Amino acid sequence: MTNHTEFAAWVEKTAVKAGFDVDIPRSGAIGVLGAEIGTTYSTVVRVLAGERVPAYRFWPAWSEALKVPMESFRLEARKALLGEGRS
């Protein structure tokens, strides 16, 4: 798994815990999550696909939408960006 893929898995798990059923196709949750964050549907899809990490300026919005402390989101995003694997 790439670090972006690991980050995507963490985001998906966290989003489901926050009430966004992004793991269910056609649930509409990806669009709702994108609206909550203030970003596009396609950006959320790319993050969940492990293709990218959100732009830094959106980290607070992602953190708030996922209902996790900013420091937790920052740590996970940095691991993906810096290529640090999970233990």
PDB file of N, CA and C in Angstrom:
ATOM      1  N   MET A   1       0.838  -1.194   0.000  1.00  0.00           N
ATOM      2  CA  MET A   1       0.000   0.000   0.000  1.00  0.00           C
ATOM      3  C   MET A   1       0.877   1.249   0.000  1.00  0.00           C
ATOM      4  N   THR A   2       0.505   2.222  -0.793  1.00  0.00           N
ATOM      5  CA  THR A   2       1.217   3.494  -0.745  1.00  0.00           C
ATOM      6  C   THR A   2       0.740   4.273   0.468  1.00  0.00           C
ATOM      7  N   ASN A   3       1.478   5.287   0.833  1.00  0.00           N
ATOM      8  CA  ASN A   3       1.078   6.096   1.977  1.00  0.00           C
ATOM      9  C   ASN A   3      -0.220   6.837   1.703  1.00  0.00           C
ATOM     10  N   HIS A   4      -0.440   7.222   0.437  1.00  0.00           N
ATOM     11  CA  HIS A   4      -1.700   7.886   0.110  1.00  0.00           C
ATOM     12  C   HIS A   4      -2.860   6.911   0.245  1.00  0.00           C
ATOM     13  N   THR A   5      -2.614   5.649  -0.096  1.00  0.00           N
ATOM     14  CA  THR A   5      -3.651   4.631   0.036  1.00  0.00           C
ATOM     15  C   THR A   5      -3.975   4.396   1.506  1.00  0.00           C
ATOM     16  N   GLU A   6      -2.956   4.369   2.345  1.00  0.00           N
ATOM     17  CA  GLU A   6      -3.170   4.207   3.786  1.00  0.00           C
ATOM     18  C   GLU A   6      -3.939   5.403   4.343  1.00  0.00           C
ATOM     19  N   PHE A   7      -3.600   6.586   3.874  1.00  0.00           N
ATOM     20  CA  PHE A   7      -4.322   7.786   4.297  1.00  0.00           C
ATOM     21  C   PHE A   7      -5.778   7.694   3.859  1.00  0.00           C
ATOM     22  N   ALA A   8      -6.004   7.244   2.627  1.00  0.00           N
ATOM     23  CA  ALA A   8      -7.367   7.097   2.108  1.00  0.00           C
ATOM     24  C   ALA A   8      -8.171   6.127   2.963  1.00  0.00           C
ATOM     25  N   ALA A   9      -7.550   5.025   3.363  1.00  0.00           N
ATOM     26  CA  ALA A   9      -8.241   4.048   4.214  1.00  0.00           C
ATOM     27  C   ALA A   9      -8.595   4.669   5.556  1.00  0.00           C
ATOM     28  N   TRP A  10      -7.679   5.465   6.105  1.00  0.00           N
ATOM     29  CA  TRP A  10      -7.948   6.147   7.376  1.00  0.00           C
ATOM     30  C   TRP A  10      -9.093   7.147   7.214  1.00  0.00           C
ATOM     31  N   VAL A  11      -9.079   7.924   6.128  1.00  0.00           N
ATOM     32  CA  VAL A  11     -10.148   8.899   5.884  1.00  0.00           C
ATOM     33  C   VAL A  11     -11.488   8.187   5.750  1.00  0.00           C
ATOM     34  N   GLU A  12     -11.515   7.099   4.989  1.00  0.00           N
ATOM     35  CA  GLU A  12     -12.775   6.369   4.800  1.00  0.00           C
ATOM     36  C   GLU A  12     -13.319   5.854   6.129  1.00  0.00           C
ATOM     37  N   LYS A  13     -12.465   5.224   6.915  1.00  0.00           N
ATOM     38  CA  LYS A  13     -12.882   4.691   8.218  1.00  0.00           C
ATOM     39  C   LYS A  13     -13.382   5.818   9.125  1.00  0.00           C
ATOM     40  N   THR A  14     -12.662   6.927   9.129  1.00  0.00           N
ATOM     41  CA  THR A  14     -13.026   8.066   9.965  1.00  0.00           C
ATOM     42  C   THR A  14     -14.317   8.709   9.481  1.00  0.00           C
ATOM     43  N   ALA A  15     -14.496   8.806   8.172  1.00  0.00           N
ATOM     44  CA  ALA A  15     -15.720   9.388   7.610  1.00  0.00           C
ATOM     45  C   ALA A  15     -16.940   8.548   7.980  1.00  0.00           C
ATOM     46  N   VAL A  16     -16.796   7.234   7.909  1.00  0.00           N
ATOM     47  CA  VAL A  16     -17.912   6.350   8.271  1.00  0.00           C
ATOM     48  C   VAL A  16     -18.269   6.542   9.745  1.00  0.00           C
ATOM     49  N   LYS A  17     -17.257   6.635  10.608  1.00  0.00           N
ATOM     50  CA  LYS A  17     -17.510   6.882  12.037  1.00  0.00           C
ATOM     51  C   LYS A  17     -18.213   8.216  12.252  1.00  0.00           C
ATOM     52  N   ALA A  18     -17.924   9.197  11.377  1.00  0.00           N
ATOM     53  CA  ALA A  18     -18.525  10.531  11.499  1.00  0.00           C
ATOM     54  C   ALA A  18     -19.923  10.590  10.884  1.00  0.00           C
ATOM     55  N   GLY A  19     -20.384   9.469  10.321  1.00  0.00           N
ATOM     56  CA  GLY A  19     -21.741   9.419   9.782  1.00  0.00           C
ATOM     57  C   GLY A  19     -21.860   9.577   8.278  1.00  0.00           C
ATOM     58  N   PHE A  20     -20.734   9.569   7.571  1.00  0.00           N
ATOM     59  CA  PHE A  20     -20.745   9.666   6.114  1.00  0.00           C
ATOM     60  C   PHE A  20     -20.508   8.268   5.543  1.00  0.00           C
ATOM     61  N   ASP A  21     -21.515   7.670   4.963  1.00  0.00           N
ATOM     62  CA  ASP A  21     -21.403   6.309   4.434  1.00  0.00           C
ATOM     63  C   ASP A  21     -20.691   6.291   3.089  1.00  0.00           C
ATOM     64  N   VAL A  22     -19.447   6.766   3.079  1.00  0.00           N
ATOM     65  CA  VAL A  22     -18.684   6.856   1.835  1.00  0.00           C
ATOM     66  C   VAL A  22     -18.290   5.489   1.305  1.00  0.00           C
ATOM     67  N   ASP A  23     -18.430   4.465   2.121  1.00  0.00           N
ATOM     68  CA  ASP A  23     -18.090   3.111   1.700  1.00  0.00           C
ATOM     69  C   ASP A  23     -19.248   2.411   0.990  1.00  0.00           C
ATOM     70  N   ILE A  24     -20.387   3.076   0.882  1.00  0.00           N
ATOM     71  CA  ILE A  24     -21.559   2.514   0.216  1.00  0.00           C
ATOM     72  C   ILE A  24     -21.760   3.248  -1.110  1.00  0.00           C
ATOM     73  N   PRO A  25     -21.574   2.533  -2.238  1.00  0.00           N
ATOM     74  CA  PRO A  25     -21.757   3.184  -3.538  1.00  0.00           C
ATOM     75  C   PRO A  25     -23.154   3.801  -3.670  1.00  0.00           C
ATOM     76  N   ARG A  26     -23.207   4.929  -4.301  1.00  0.00           N
ATOM     77  CA  ARG A  26     -24.455   5.645  -4.588  1.00  0.00           C
ATOM     78  C   ARG A  26     -25.208   6.118  -3.347  1.00  0.00           C
ATOM     79  N   SER A  27     -24.545   6.168  -2.208  1.00  0.00           N
ATOM     80  CA  SER A  27     -25.229   6.634  -0.999  1.00  0.00           C
ATOM     81  C   SER A  27     -25.394   8.148  -0.996  1.00  0.00           C
ATOM     82  N   GLY A  28     -24.607   8.830  -1.818  1.00  0.00           N
ATOM     83  CA  GLY A  28     -24.641  10.291  -1.840  1.00  0.00           C
ATOM     84  C   GLY A  28     -23.748  10.911  -0.781  1.00  0.00           C
ATOM     85  N   ALA A  29     -23.124  10.073   0.041  1.00  0.00           N
ATOM     86  CA  ALA A  29     -22.318  10.579   1.151  1.00  0.00           C
ATOM     87  C   ALA A  29     -21.077  11.330   0.691  1.00  0.00           C
ATOM     88  N   ILE A  30     -20.519  10.942  -0.450  1.00  0.00           N
ATOM     89  CA  ILE A  30     -19.324  11.634  -0.940  1.00  0.00           C
ATOM     90  C   ILE A  30     -19.660  13.083  -1.263  1.00  0.00           C
ATOM     91  N   GLY A  31     -20.784  13.310  -1.907  1.00  0.00           N
ATOM     92  CA  GLY A  31     -21.216  14.675  -2.206  1.00  0.00           C
ATOM     93  C   GLY A  31     -21.520  15.470  -0.955  1.00  0.00           C
ATOM     94  N   VAL A  32     -22.139  14.824   0.012  1.00  0.00           N
ATOM     95  CA  VAL A  32     -22.462  15.493   1.281  1.00  0.00           C
ATOM     96  C   VAL A  32     -21.176  15.851   2.018  1.00  0.00           C
ATOM     97  N   LEU A  33     -20.223  14.921   2.052  1.00  0.00           N
ATOM     98  CA  LEU A  33     -18.938  15.192   2.694  1.00  0.00           C
ATOM     99  C   LEU A  33     -18.225  16.343   1.989  1.00  0.00           C
ATOM    100  N   GLY A  34     -18.220  16.338   0.666  1.00  0.00           N
ATOM    101  CA  GLY A  34     -17.598  17.427  -0.087  1.00  0.00           C
ATOM    102  C   GLY A  34     -18.227  18.770   0.226  1.00  0.00           C
ATOM    103  N   ALA A  35     -19.546  18.801   0.314  1.00  0.00           N
ATOM    104  CA  ALA A  35     -20.248  20.048   0.645  1.00  0.00           C
ATOM    105  C   ALA A  35     -19.909  20.505   2.059  1.00  0.00           C
ATOM    106  N   GLU A  36     -19.821  19.569   2.971  1.00  0.00           N
ATOM    107  CA  GLU A  36     -19.474  19.885   4.363  1.00  0.00           C
ATOM    108  C   GLU A  36     -18.075  20.495   4.452  1.00  0.00           C
ATOM    109  N   ILE A  37     -17.167  19.970   3.638  1.00  0.00           N
ATOM    110  CA  ILE A  37     -15.786  20.450   3.632  1.00  0.00           C
ATOM    111  C   ILE A  37     -15.654  21.749   2.851  1.00  0.00           C
ATOM    112  N   GLY A  38     -16.487  21.898   1.828  1.00  0.00           N
ATOM    113  CA  GLY A  38     -16.376  23.061   0.955  1.00  0.00           C
ATOM    114  C   GLY A  38     -15.461  22.774  -0.220  1.00  0.00           C
ATOM    115  N   THR A  39     -15.442  21.521  -0.645  1.00  0.00           N
ATOM    116  CA  THR A  39     -14.613  21.116  -1.777  1.00  0.00           C
ATOM    117  C   THR A  39     -15.470  20.328  -2.761  1.00  0.00           C
ATOM    118  N   THR A  40     -14.886  19.950  -3.861  1.00  0.00           N
ATOM    119  CA  THR A  40     -15.652  19.281  -4.912  1.00  0.00           C
ATOM    120  C   THR A  40     -15.792  17.786  -4.656  1.00  0.00           C
ATOM    121  N   TYR A  41     -16.798  17.225  -5.277  1.00  0.00           N
ATOM    122  CA  TYR A  41     -17.043  15.783  -5.243  1.00  0.00           C
ATOM    123  C   TYR A  41     -15.810  15.040  -5.749  1.00  0.00           C
ATOM    124  N   SER A  42     -15.248  15.530  -6.856  1.00  0.00           N
ATOM    125  CA  SER A  42     -14.106  14.835  -7.460  1.00  0.00           C
ATOM    126  C   SER A  42     -12.883  14.846  -6.548  1.00  0.00           C
ATOM    127  N   THR A  43     -12.704  15.896  -5.770  1.00  0.00           N
ATOM    128  CA  THR A  43     -11.587  15.932  -4.829  1.00  0.00           C
ATOM    129  C   THR A  43     -11.756  14.861  -3.767  1.00  0.00           C
ATOM    130  N   VAL A  44     -12.965  14.730  -3.234  1.00  0.00           N
ATOM    131  CA  VAL A  44     -13.226  13.702  -2.224  1.00  0.00           C
ATOM    132  C   VAL A  44     -12.989  12.321  -2.823  1.00  0.00           C
ATOM    133  N   VAL A  45     -13.440  12.109  -4.046  1.00  0.00           N
ATOM    134  CA  VAL A  45     -13.236  10.819  -4.715  1.00  0.00           C
ATOM    135  C   VAL A  45     -11.745  10.524  -4.851  1.00  0.00           C
ATOM    136  N   ARG A  46     -10.962  11.517  -5.265  1.00  0.00           N
ATOM    137  CA  ARG A  46      -9.516  11.305  -5.435  1.00  0.00           C
ATOM    138  C   ARG A  46      -8.829  11.013  -4.106  1.00  0.00           C
ATOM    139  N   VAL A  47      -9.250  11.687  -3.039  1.00  0.00           N
ATOM    140  CA  VAL A  47      -8.676  11.416  -1.717  1.00  0.00           C
ATOM    141  C   VAL A  47      -9.021   9.994  -1.288  1.00  0.00           C
ATOM    142  N   LEU A  48     -10.287   9.602  -1.447  1.00  0.00           N
ATOM    143  CA  LEU A  48     -10.712   8.258  -1.048  1.00  0.00           C
ATOM    144  C   LEU A  48     -10.097   7.164  -1.920  1.00  0.00           C
ATOM    145  N   ALA A  49      -9.703   7.518  -3.136  1.00  0.00           N
ATOM    146  CA  ALA A  49      -9.059   6.555  -4.032  1.00  0.00           C
ATOM    147  C   ALA A  49      -7.562   6.442  -3.761  1.00  0.00           C
ATOM    148  N   GLY A  50      -7.050   7.272  -2.874  1.00  0.00           N
ATOM    149  CA  GLY A  50      -5.630   7.240  -2.558  1.00  0.00           C
ATOM    150  C   GLY A  50      -4.761   7.948  -3.570  1.00  0.00           C
ATOM    151  N   GLU A  51      -5.370   8.805  -4.373  1.00  0.00           N
ATOM    152  CA  GLU A  51      -4.624   9.524  -5.409  1.00  0.00           C
ATOM    153  C   GLU A  51      -3.985  10.807  -4.901  1.00  0.00           C
ATOM    154  N   ARG A  52      -4.482  11.328  -3.793  1.00  0.00           N
ATOM    155  CA  ARG A  52      -3.945  12.597  -3.299  1.00  0.00           C
ATOM    156  C   ARG A  52      -4.300  12.804  -1.846  1.00  0.00           C
ATOM    157  N   VAL A  53      -3.640  13.782  -1.255  1.00  0.00           N
ATOM    158  CA  VAL A  53      -3.947  14.278   0.084  1.00  0.00           C
ATOM    159  C   VAL A  53      -4.566  15.653  -0.132  1.00  0.00           C
ATOM    160  N   PRO A  54      -5.579  16.027   0.635  1.00  0.00           N
ATOM    161  CA  PRO A  54      -6.200  17.344   0.432  1.00  0.00           C
ATOM    162  C   PRO A  54      -5.186  18.483   0.561  1.00  0.00           C
ATOM    163  N   ALA A  55      -5.475  19.582  -0.110  1.00  0.00           N
ATOM    164  CA  ALA A  55      -4.648  20.781   0.012  1.00  0.00           C
ATOM    165  C   ALA A  55      -4.646  21.237   1.472  1.00  0.00           C
ATOM    166  N   TYR A  56      -3.498  21.730   1.907  1.00  0.00           N
ATOM    167  CA  TYR A  56      -3.312  22.129   3.307  1.00  0.00           C
ATOM    168  C   TYR A  56      -4.401  23.083   3.798  1.00  0.00           C
ATOM    169  N   ARG A  57      -4.804  24.008   2.950  1.00  0.00           N
ATOM    170  CA  ARG A  57      -5.796  25.003   3.378  1.00  0.00           C
ATOM    171  C   ARG A  57      -7.140  24.367   3.734  1.00  0.00           C
ATOM    172  N   PHE A  58      -7.389  23.156   3.247  1.00  0.00           N
ATOM    173  CA  PHE A  58      -8.637  22.459   3.547  1.00  0.00           C
ATOM    174  C   PHE A  58      -8.531  21.528   4.757  1.00  0.00           C
ATOM    175  N   TRP A  59      -7.344  21.367   5.321  1.00  0.00           N
ATOM    176  CA  TRP A  59      -7.191  20.453   6.453  1.00  0.00           C
ATOM    177  C   TRP A  59      -8.132  20.778   7.612  1.00  0.00           C
ATOM    178  N   PRO A  60      -8.286  22.040   8.006  1.00  0.00           N
ATOM    179  CA  PRO A  60      -9.231  22.317   9.104  1.00  0.00           C
ATOM    180  C   PRO A  60     -10.666  21.892   8.770  1.00  0.00           C
ATOM    181  N   ALA A  61     -11.087  22.100   7.533  1.00  0.00           N
ATOM    182  CA  ALA A  61     -12.446  21.712   7.137  1.00  0.00           C
ATOM    183  C   ALA A  61     -12.597  20.193   7.118  1.00  0.00           C
ATOM    184  N   TRP A  62     -11.582  19.485   6.628  1.00  0.00           N
ATOM    185  CA  TRP A  62     -11.622  18.017   6.650  1.00  0.00           C
ATOM    186  C   TRP A  62     -11.676  17.528   8.093  1.00  0.00           C
ATOM    187  N   SER A  63     -10.846  18.098   8.940  1.00  0.00           N
ATOM    188  CA  SER A  63     -10.816  17.712  10.350  1.00  0.00           C
ATOM    189  C   SER A  63     -12.178  17.905  11.003  1.00  0.00           C
ATOM    190  N   GLU A  64     -12.781  19.045  10.759  1.00  0.00           N
ATOM    191  CA  GLU A  64     -14.093  19.346  11.338  1.00  0.00           C
ATOM    192  C   GLU A  64     -15.164  18.402  10.798  1.00  0.00           C
ATOM    193  N   ALA A  65     -15.177  18.184   9.497  1.00  0.00           N
ATOM    194  CA  ALA A  65     -16.188  17.308   8.894  1.00  0.00           C
ATOM    195  C   ALA A  65     -16.042  15.869   9.376  1.00  0.00           C
ATOM    196  N   LEU A  66     -14.798  15.421   9.543  1.00  0.00           N
ATOM    197  CA  LEU A  66     -14.553  14.047   9.985  1.00  0.00           C
ATOM    198  C   LEU A  66     -14.658  13.894  11.502  1.00  0.00           C
ATOM    199  N   LYS A  67     -14.827  15.015  12.183  1.00  0.00           N
ATOM    200  CA  LYS A  67     -14.990  15.023  13.643  1.00  0.00           C
ATOM    201  C   LYS A  67     -13.778  14.421  14.357  1.00  0.00           C
ATOM    202  N   VAL A  68     -12.604  14.847  13.906  1.00  0.00           N
ATOM    203  CA  VAL A  68     -11.356  14.443  14.552  1.00  0.00           C
ATOM    204  C   VAL A  68     -10.578  15.701  14.908  1.00  0.00           C
ATOM    205  N   PRO A  69      -9.751  15.631  15.943  1.00  0.00           N
ATOM    206  CA  PRO A  69      -8.926  16.794  16.276  1.00  0.00           C
ATOM    207  C   PRO A  69      -8.003  17.154  15.106  1.00  0.00           C
ATOM    208  N   MET A  70      -7.763  18.421  14.948  1.00  0.00           N
ATOM    209  CA  MET A  70      -6.902  18.889  13.862  1.00  0.00           C
ATOM    210  C   MET A  70      -5.539  18.208  13.917  1.00  0.00           C
ATOM    211  N   GLU A  71      -5.011  18.018  15.102  1.00  0.00           N
ATOM    212  CA  GLU A  71      -3.697  17.395  15.235  1.00  0.00           C
ATOM    213  C   GLU A  71      -3.701  15.959  14.707  1.00  0.00           C
ATOM    214  N   SER A  72      -4.790  15.235  14.901  1.00  0.00           N
ATOM    215  CA  SER A  72      -4.891  13.865  14.372  1.00  0.00           C
ATOM    216  C   SER A  72      -4.904  13.875  12.850  1.00  0.00           C
ATOM    217  N   PHE A  73      -5.686  14.787  12.282  1.00  0.00           N
ATOM    218  CA  PHE A  73      -5.737  14.874  10.822  1.00  0.00           C
ATOM    219  C   PHE A  73      -4.372  15.281  10.272  1.00  0.00           C
ATOM    220  N   ARG A  74      -3.768  16.259  10.902  1.00  0.00           N
ATOM    221  CA  ARG A  74      -2.449  16.750  10.465  1.00  0.00           C
ATOM    222  C   ARG A  74      -1.416  15.611  10.492  1.00  0.00           C
ATOM    223  N   LEU A  75      -1.432  14.813  11.548  1.00  0.00           N
ATOM    224  CA  LEU A  75      -0.490  13.707  11.676  1.00  0.00           C
ATOM    225  C   LEU A  75      -0.672  12.696  10.546  1.00  0.00           C
ATOM    226  N   GLU A  76      -1.908  12.308  10.281  1.00  0.00           N
ATOM    227  CA  GLU A  76      -2.178  11.331   9.221  1.00  0.00           C
ATOM    228  C   GLU A  76      -1.811  11.881   7.843  1.00  0.00           C
ATOM    229  N   ALA A  77      -2.146  13.137   7.587  1.00  0.00           N
ATOM    230  CA  ALA A  77      -1.827  13.749   6.293  1.00  0.00           C
ATOM    231  C   ALA A  77      -0.316  13.870   6.106  1.00  0.00           C
ATOM    232  N   ARG A  78       0.375  14.259   7.153  1.00  0.00           N
ATOM    233  CA  ARG A  78       1.835  14.393   7.057  1.00  0.00           C
ATOM    234  C   ARG A  78       2.507  13.048   6.798  1.00  0.00           C
ATOM    235  N   LYS A  79       2.006  11.998   7.450  1.00  0.00           N
ATOM    236  CA  LYS A  79       2.563  10.664   7.203  1.00  0.00           C
ATOM    237  C   LYS A  79       2.463  10.323   5.720  1.00  0.00           C
ATOM    238  N   ALA A  80       1.323  10.629   5.127  1.00  0.00           N
ATOM    239  CA  ALA A  80       1.126  10.339   3.702  1.00  0.00           C
ATOM    240  C   ALA A  80       2.039  11.199   2.835  1.00  0.00           C
ATOM    241  N   LEU A  81       2.124  12.470   3.148  1.00  0.00           N
ATOM    242  CA  LEU A  81       2.922  13.383   2.327  1.00  0.00           C
ATOM    243  C   LEU A  81       4.421  13.134   2.445  1.00  0.00           C
ATOM    244  N   LEU A  82       4.862  12.755   3.631  1.00  0.00           N
ATOM    245  CA  LEU A  82       6.292  12.556   3.861  1.00  0.00           C
ATOM    246  C   LEU A  82       6.742  11.122   3.616  1.00  0.00           C
ATOM    247  N   GLY A  83       5.789  10.259   3.263  1.00  0.00           N
ATOM    248  CA  GLY A  83       6.147   8.880   2.959  1.00  0.00           C
ATOM    249  C   GLY A  83       6.449   8.033   4.168  1.00  0.00           C
ATOM    250  N   GLU A  84       5.930   8.428   5.313  1.00  0.00           N
ATOM    251  CA  GLU A  84       6.151   7.649   6.529  1.00  0.00           C
ATOM    252  C   GLU A  84       5.104   6.552   6.617  1.00  0.00           C
ATOM    253  N   GLY A  85       5.550   5.331   6.726  1.00  0.00           N
ATOM    254  CA  GLY A  85       4.629   4.200   6.839  1.00  0.00           C
ATOM    255  C   GLY A  85       4.005   4.112   8.217  1.00  0.00           C
ATOM    256  N   ARG A  86       2.976   3.333   8.303  1.00  0.00           N
ATOM    257  CA  ARG A  86       2.317   3.088   9.580  1.00  0.00           C
ATOM    258  C   ARG A  86       3.032   1.939  10.280  1.00  0.00           C
ATOM    259  N   SER A  87       2.974   1.936  11.593  1.00  0.00           N
ATOM    260  CA  SER A  87       3.603   0.831  12.333  1.00  0.00           C
ATOM    261  C   SER A  87       2.607  -0.254  12.625  1.00  0.00           C
TER     262      SER A  87
END
